[in-house]
C-alpha atoms as a PDB file:
ATOM      1  CA  UNK A   1     -40.832   3.761  72.476  1.00  0.00           C
ATOM      2  CA  UNK A   2     -41.558   3.647  68.772  1.00  0.00           C
ATOM      3  CA  UNK A   3     -42.330   6.852  66.959  1.00  0.00           C
ATOM      4  CA  UNK A   4     -45.596   7.020  65.146  1.00  0.00           C
ATOM      5  CA  UNK A   5     -45.305   7.671  61.422  1.00  0.00           C
ATOM      6  CA  UNK A   6     -47.454  10.437  60.085  1.00  0.00           C
ATOM      7  CA  UNK A   7     -49.072  10.268  56.643  1.00  0.00           C
ATOM      8  CA  UNK A   8     -46.641  12.936  55.426  1.00  0.00           C
ATOM      9  CA  UNK A   9     -43.597  10.913  56.458  1.00  0.00           C
ATOM     10  CA  UNK A  10     -45.108   7.815  54.882  1.00  0.00           C
ATOM     11  CA  UNK A  11     -45.745   9.746  51.674  1.00  0.00           C
ATOM     12  CA  UNK A  12     -42.158  10.956  51.298  1.00  0.00           C
ATOM     13  CA  UNK A  13     -40.487   7.794  52.561  1.00  0.00           C
ATOM     14  CA  UNK A  14     -42.423   5.415  50.310  1.00  0.00           C
ATOM     15  CA  UNK A  15     -40.392   3.977  47.446  1.00  0.00           C
ATOM     16  CA  UNK A  16     -41.228   5.348  44.011  1.00  0.00           C
ATOM     17  CA  UNK A  17     -42.249   1.972  42.627  1.00  0.00           C
ATOM     18  CA  UNK A  18     -44.766   1.492  45.438  1.00  0.00           C
ATOM     19  CA  UNK A  19     -46.526   4.806  44.869  1.00  0.00           C
ATOM     20  CA  UNK A  20     -49.722   4.894  42.867  1.00  0.00           C
ATOM     21  CA  UNK A  21     -50.264   7.418  40.057  1.00  0.00           C
ATOM     22  CA  UNK A  22     -51.777  10.125  42.292  1.00  0.00           C
ATOM     23  CA  UNK A  23     -48.888   9.854  44.749  1.00  0.00           C
ATOM     24  CA  UNK A  24     -46.363  10.076  41.921  1.00  0.00           C
ATOM     25  CA  UNK A  25     -48.065  13.156  40.468  1.00  0.00           C
ATOM     26  CA  UNK A  26     -48.221  14.757  43.912  1.00  0.00           C
ATOM     27  CA  UNK A  27     -44.528  14.036  44.479  1.00  0.00           C
ATOM     28  CA  UNK A  28     -43.569  15.563  41.136  1.00  0.00           C
ATOM     29  CA  UNK A  29     -45.785  18.565  41.914  1.00  0.00           C
ATOM     30  CA  UNK A  30     -44.228  19.128  45.331  1.00  0.00           C
ATOM     31  CA  UNK A  31     -40.662  18.872  44.064  1.00  0.00           C
ATOM     32  CA  UNK A  32     -41.455  20.827  40.911  1.00  0.00           C
ATOM     33  CA  UNK A  33     -43.028  23.567  42.997  1.00  0.00           C
ATOM     34  CA  UNK A  34     -39.982  23.692  45.237  1.00  0.00           C
ATOM     35  CA  UNK A  35     -37.629  23.959  42.259  1.00  0.00           C
ATOM     36  CA  UNK A  36     -39.761  26.691  40.699  1.00  0.00           C
ATOM     37  CA  UNK A  37     -39.871  28.538  44.027  1.00  0.00           C
ATOM     38  CA  UNK A  38     -36.085  28.474  44.245  1.00  0.00           C
ATOM     39  CA  UNK A  39     -35.752  29.610  40.622  1.00  0.00           C
ATOM     40  CA  UNK A  40     -38.221  32.455  41.127  1.00  0.00           C
ATOM     41  CA  UNK A  41     -36.522  33.513  44.373  1.00  0.00           C
ATOM     42  CA  UNK A  42     -33.076  33.573  42.782  1.00  0.00           C
ATOM     43  CA  UNK A  43     -34.432  35.470  39.779  1.00  0.00           C
ATOM     44  CA  UNK A  44     -36.039  38.113  42.006  1.00  0.00           C
ATOM     45  CA  UNK A  45     -32.858  38.365  44.069  1.00  0.00           C
ATOM     46  CA  UNK A  46     -30.779  38.878  40.904  1.00  0.00           C
ATOM     47  CA  UNK A  47     -33.159  41.626  39.743  1.00  0.00           C
ATOM     48  CA  UNK A  48     -33.009  43.268  43.168  1.00  0.00           C
ATOM     49  CA  UNK A  49     -29.201  43.091  43.213  1.00  0.00           C
ATOM     50  CA  UNK A  50     -28.982  44.567  39.723  1.00  0.00           C
ATOM     51  CA  UNK A  51     -31.268  47.424  40.773  1.00  0.00           C
ATOM     52  CA  UNK A  52     -29.116  48.051  43.859  1.00  0.00           C
ATOM     53  CA  UNK A  53     -26.049  48.230  41.627  1.00  0.00           C
ATOM     54  CA  UNK A  54     -27.802  50.717  39.322  1.00  0.00           C
ATOM     55  CA  UNK A  55     -28.738  52.859  42.341  1.00  0.00           C
ATOM     56  CA  UNK A  56     -25.096  52.858  43.440  1.00  0.00           C
ATOM     57  CA  UNK A  57     -23.975  53.802  39.936  1.00  0.00           C
ATOM     58  CA  UNK A  58     -26.516  56.647  39.845  1.00  0.00           C
ATOM     59  CA  UNK A  59     -25.183  58.023  43.131  1.00  0.00           C
ATOM     60  CA  UNK A  60     -21.636  57.927  41.770  1.00  0.00           C
ATOM     61  CA  UNK A  61     -22.636  59.255  38.353  1.00  0.00           C
ATOM     62  CA  UNK A  62     -24.695  62.198  39.660  1.00  0.00           C
ATOM     63  CA  UNK A  63     -21.565  63.763  41.138  1.00  0.00           C
ATOM     64  CA  UNK A  64     -19.920  63.688  37.689  1.00  0.00           C
ATOM     65  CA  UNK A  65     -22.954  64.142  35.406  1.00  0.00           C
ATOM     66  CA  UNK A  66     -25.973  65.755  37.056  1.00  0.00           C
ATOM     67  CA  UNK A  67     -29.361  64.516  35.885  1.00  0.00           C
ATOM     68  CA  UNK A  68     -30.734  66.544  32.979  1.00  0.00           C
ATOM     69  CA  UNK A  69     -34.418  66.081  33.844  1.00  0.00           C
ATOM     70  CA  UNK A  70     -36.637  65.613  36.906  1.00  0.00           C
ATOM     71  CA  UNK A  71     -37.256  61.991  37.970  1.00  0.00           C
ATOM     72  CA  UNK A  72     -40.785  62.076  36.536  1.00  0.00           C
ATOM     73  CA  UNK A  73     -39.336  62.569  33.042  1.00  0.00           C
ATOM     74  CA  UNK A  74     -37.335  59.337  33.276  1.00  0.00           C
ATOM     75  CA  UNK A  75     -40.544  57.464  34.103  1.00  0.00           C
ATOM     76  CA  UNK A  76     -42.122  58.980  30.982  1.00  0.00           C
ATOM     77  CA  UNK A  77     -39.112  57.906  28.902  1.00  0.00           C
ATOM     78  CA  UNK A  78     -39.319  54.379  30.390  1.00  0.00           C
ATOM     79  CA  UNK A  79     -43.014  54.217  29.511  1.00  0.00           C
ATOM     80  CA  UNK A  80     -42.275  55.416  25.978  1.00  0.00           C
ATOM     81  CA  UNK A  81     -39.597  52.754  25.505  1.00  0.00           C
ATOM     82  CA  UNK A  82     -41.882  50.050  26.870  1.00  0.00           C
ATOM     83  CA  UNK A  83     -44.734  51.087  24.582  1.00  0.00           C
ATOM     84  CA  UNK A  84     -42.374  51.251  21.606  1.00  0.00           C
ATOM     85  CA  UNK A  85     -41.282  47.657  22.214  1.00  0.00           C
ATOM     86  CA  UNK A  86     -44.535  46.142  23.501  1.00  0.00           C
ATOM     87  CA  UNK A  87     -46.540  45.459  20.325  1.00  0.00           C
ATOM     88  CA  UNK A  88     -44.563  46.294  17.237  1.00  0.00           C
ATOM     89  CA  UNK A  89     -41.090  47.705  17.489  1.00  0.00           C
ATOM     90  CA  UNK A  90     -41.230  51.458  16.927  1.00  0.00           C
ATOM     91  CA  UNK A  91     -37.535  51.952  16.292  1.00  0.00           C
ATOM     92  CA  UNK A  92     -37.911  55.676  15.598  1.00  0.00           C
ATOM     93  CA  UNK A  93     -39.515  56.244  19.012  1.00  0.00           C
ATOM     94  CA  UNK A  94     -36.704  54.267  20.658  1.00  0.00           C
ATOM     95  CA  UNK A  95     -34.094  56.323  18.819  1.00  0.00           C
ATOM     96  CA  UNK A  96     -35.816  59.615  19.662  1.00  0.00           C
ATOM     97  CA  UNK A  97     -35.886  58.823  23.369  1.00  0.00           C
ATOM     98  CA  UNK A  98     -32.256  57.708  23.366  1.00  0.00           C
ATOM     99  CA  UNK A  99     -31.246  60.944  21.627  1.00  0.00           C
ATOM    100  CA  UNK A 100     -32.701  62.852  24.590  1.00  0.00           C
ATOM    101  CA  UNK A 101     -30.462  61.069  27.108  1.00  0.00           C
ATOM    102  CA  UNK A 102     -27.496  63.393  27.425  1.00  0.00           C
ATOM    103  CA  UNK A 103     -25.237  61.639  29.939  1.00  0.00           C
ATOM    104  CA  UNK A 104     -24.679  58.392  31.838  1.00  0.00           C
ATOM    105  CA  UNK A 105     -26.859  59.537  34.740  1.00  0.00           C
ATOM    106  CA  UNK A 106     -29.805  60.005  32.365  1.00  0.00           C
ATOM    107  CA  UNK A 107     -29.383  56.461  31.015  1.00  0.00           C
ATOM    108  CA  UNK A 108     -29.054  54.946  34.493  1.00  0.00           C
ATOM    109  CA  UNK A 109     -32.173  56.786  35.665  1.00  0.00           C
ATOM    110  CA  UNK A 110     -34.159  55.473  32.675  1.00  0.00           C
ATOM    111  CA  UNK A 111     -32.902  51.930  33.367  1.00  0.00           C
ATOM    112  CA  UNK A 112     -33.996  52.272  37.013  1.00  0.00           C
ATOM    113  CA  UNK A 113     -37.382  53.793  36.077  1.00  0.00           C
ATOM    114  CA  UNK A 114     -37.963  50.949  33.582  1.00  0.00           C
ATOM    115  CA  UNK A 115     -37.120  48.324  36.216  1.00  0.00           C
ATOM    116  CA  UNK A 116     -39.236  50.035  38.883  1.00  0.00           C
ATOM    117  CA  UNK A 117     -42.225  50.509  36.574  1.00  0.00           C
ATOM    118  CA  UNK A 118     -42.285  47.188  34.714  1.00  0.00           C
ATOM    119  CA  UNK A 119     -40.126  44.835  36.792  1.00  0.00           C
ATOM    120  CA  UNK A 120     -38.136  44.092  33.650  1.00  0.00           C
ATOM    121  CA  UNK A 121     -34.591  44.763  32.556  1.00  0.00           C
ATOM    122  CA  UNK A 122     -34.270  47.370  29.786  1.00  0.00           C
ATOM    123  CA  UNK A 123     -31.168  45.736  28.289  1.00  0.00           C
ATOM    124  CA  UNK A 124     -32.951  42.374  28.105  1.00  0.00           C
ATOM    125  CA  UNK A 125     -35.960  43.981  26.428  1.00  0.00           C
ATOM    126  CA  UNK A 126     -33.724  45.767  23.906  1.00  0.00           C
ATOM    127  CA  UNK A 127     -32.065  42.456  23.057  1.00  0.00           C
ATOM    128  CA  UNK A 128     -35.433  40.681  22.819  1.00  0.00           C
ATOM    129  CA  UNK A 129     -37.051  43.270  20.580  1.00  0.00           C
ATOM    130  CA  UNK A 130     -34.246  44.690  18.471  1.00  0.00           C
ATOM    131  CA  UNK A 131     -32.079  42.551  16.228  1.00  0.00           C
ATOM    132  CA  UNK A 132     -28.312  42.506  16.249  1.00  0.00           C
ATOM    133  CA  UNK A 133     -28.202  41.017  12.745  1.00  0.00           C
ATOM    134  CA  UNK A 134     -31.334  42.170  10.945  1.00  0.00           C
ATOM    135  CA  UNK A 135     -30.988  41.396   7.234  1.00  0.00           C
ATOM    136  CA  UNK A 136     -32.656  44.695   6.315  1.00  0.00           C
ATOM    137  CA  UNK A 137     -31.543  47.160   8.992  1.00  0.00           C
ATOM    138  CA  UNK A 138     -28.299  45.592  10.204  1.00  0.00           C
ATOM    139  CA  UNK A 139     -27.584  45.975  13.911  1.00  0.00           C
ATOM    140  CA  UNK A 140     -30.739  47.670  15.238  1.00  0.00           C
ATOM    141  CA  UNK A 141     -29.402  48.027  18.773  1.00  0.00           C
ATOM    142  CA  UNK A 142     -26.391  49.887  17.407  1.00  0.00           C
ATOM    143  CA  UNK A 143     -28.507  52.046  15.117  1.00  0.00           C
ATOM    144  CA  UNK A 144     -31.383  52.956  17.446  1.00  0.00           C
ATOM    145  CA  UNK A 145     -29.809  52.700  20.904  1.00  0.00           C
ATOM    146  CA  UNK A 146     -26.019  52.797  21.081  1.00  0.00           C
ATOM    147  CA  UNK A 147     -25.252  55.282  18.279  1.00  0.00           C
ATOM    148  CA  UNK A 148     -27.695  57.941  19.567  1.00  0.00           C
ATOM    149  CA  UNK A 149     -26.315  57.525  23.088  1.00  0.00           C
ATOM    150  CA  UNK A 150     -22.697  57.725  21.898  1.00  0.00           C
ATOM    151  CA  UNK A 151     -23.467  60.876  19.891  1.00  0.00           C
ATOM    152  CA  UNK A 152     -24.293  62.566  23.221  1.00  0.00           C
ATOM    153  CA  UNK A 153     -21.095  61.351  24.869  1.00  0.00           C
ATOM    154  CA  UNK A 154     -22.796  58.565  26.836  1.00  0.00           C
ATOM    155  CA  UNK A 155     -20.412  55.693  27.567  1.00  0.00           C
ATOM    156  CA  UNK A 156     -23.086  53.172  28.662  1.00  0.00           C
ATOM    157  CA  UNK A 157     -23.839  50.831  25.778  1.00  0.00           C
ATOM    158  CA  UNK A 158     -26.302  47.954  25.379  1.00  0.00           C
END
């Protein structure tokens, strides 16, 4: 008994040279969509895994360095950092917020609040918005992020 071929099987089994333009575009679209879906899924998984790791680090860090502020304050700091980097880089605002983070737990809680609020990685945004080799200011990440954190004894650096 011969199996009946469905239009879908015919579509995917047809040789490339025998496909007309619409079929070729559809094939590229299907495979392109699948590749993008895999990319997006892996990206979301990586973000989720990174957030899980931060949560674990917070749990470990809280026993050594208790949080300085209530959780709502870290959300406010995350919002301030996002606003400072969104349109034009407000380096002074970034520095001021980082000066208020007094231990590793504070930094981890801001990183988590930033990820939870915006779905973005704070370290990536720092690197996208602040220059490591600015001809005028030098290393902006060092000046506005790492140095203020280090001055408070924070060992987490970006």
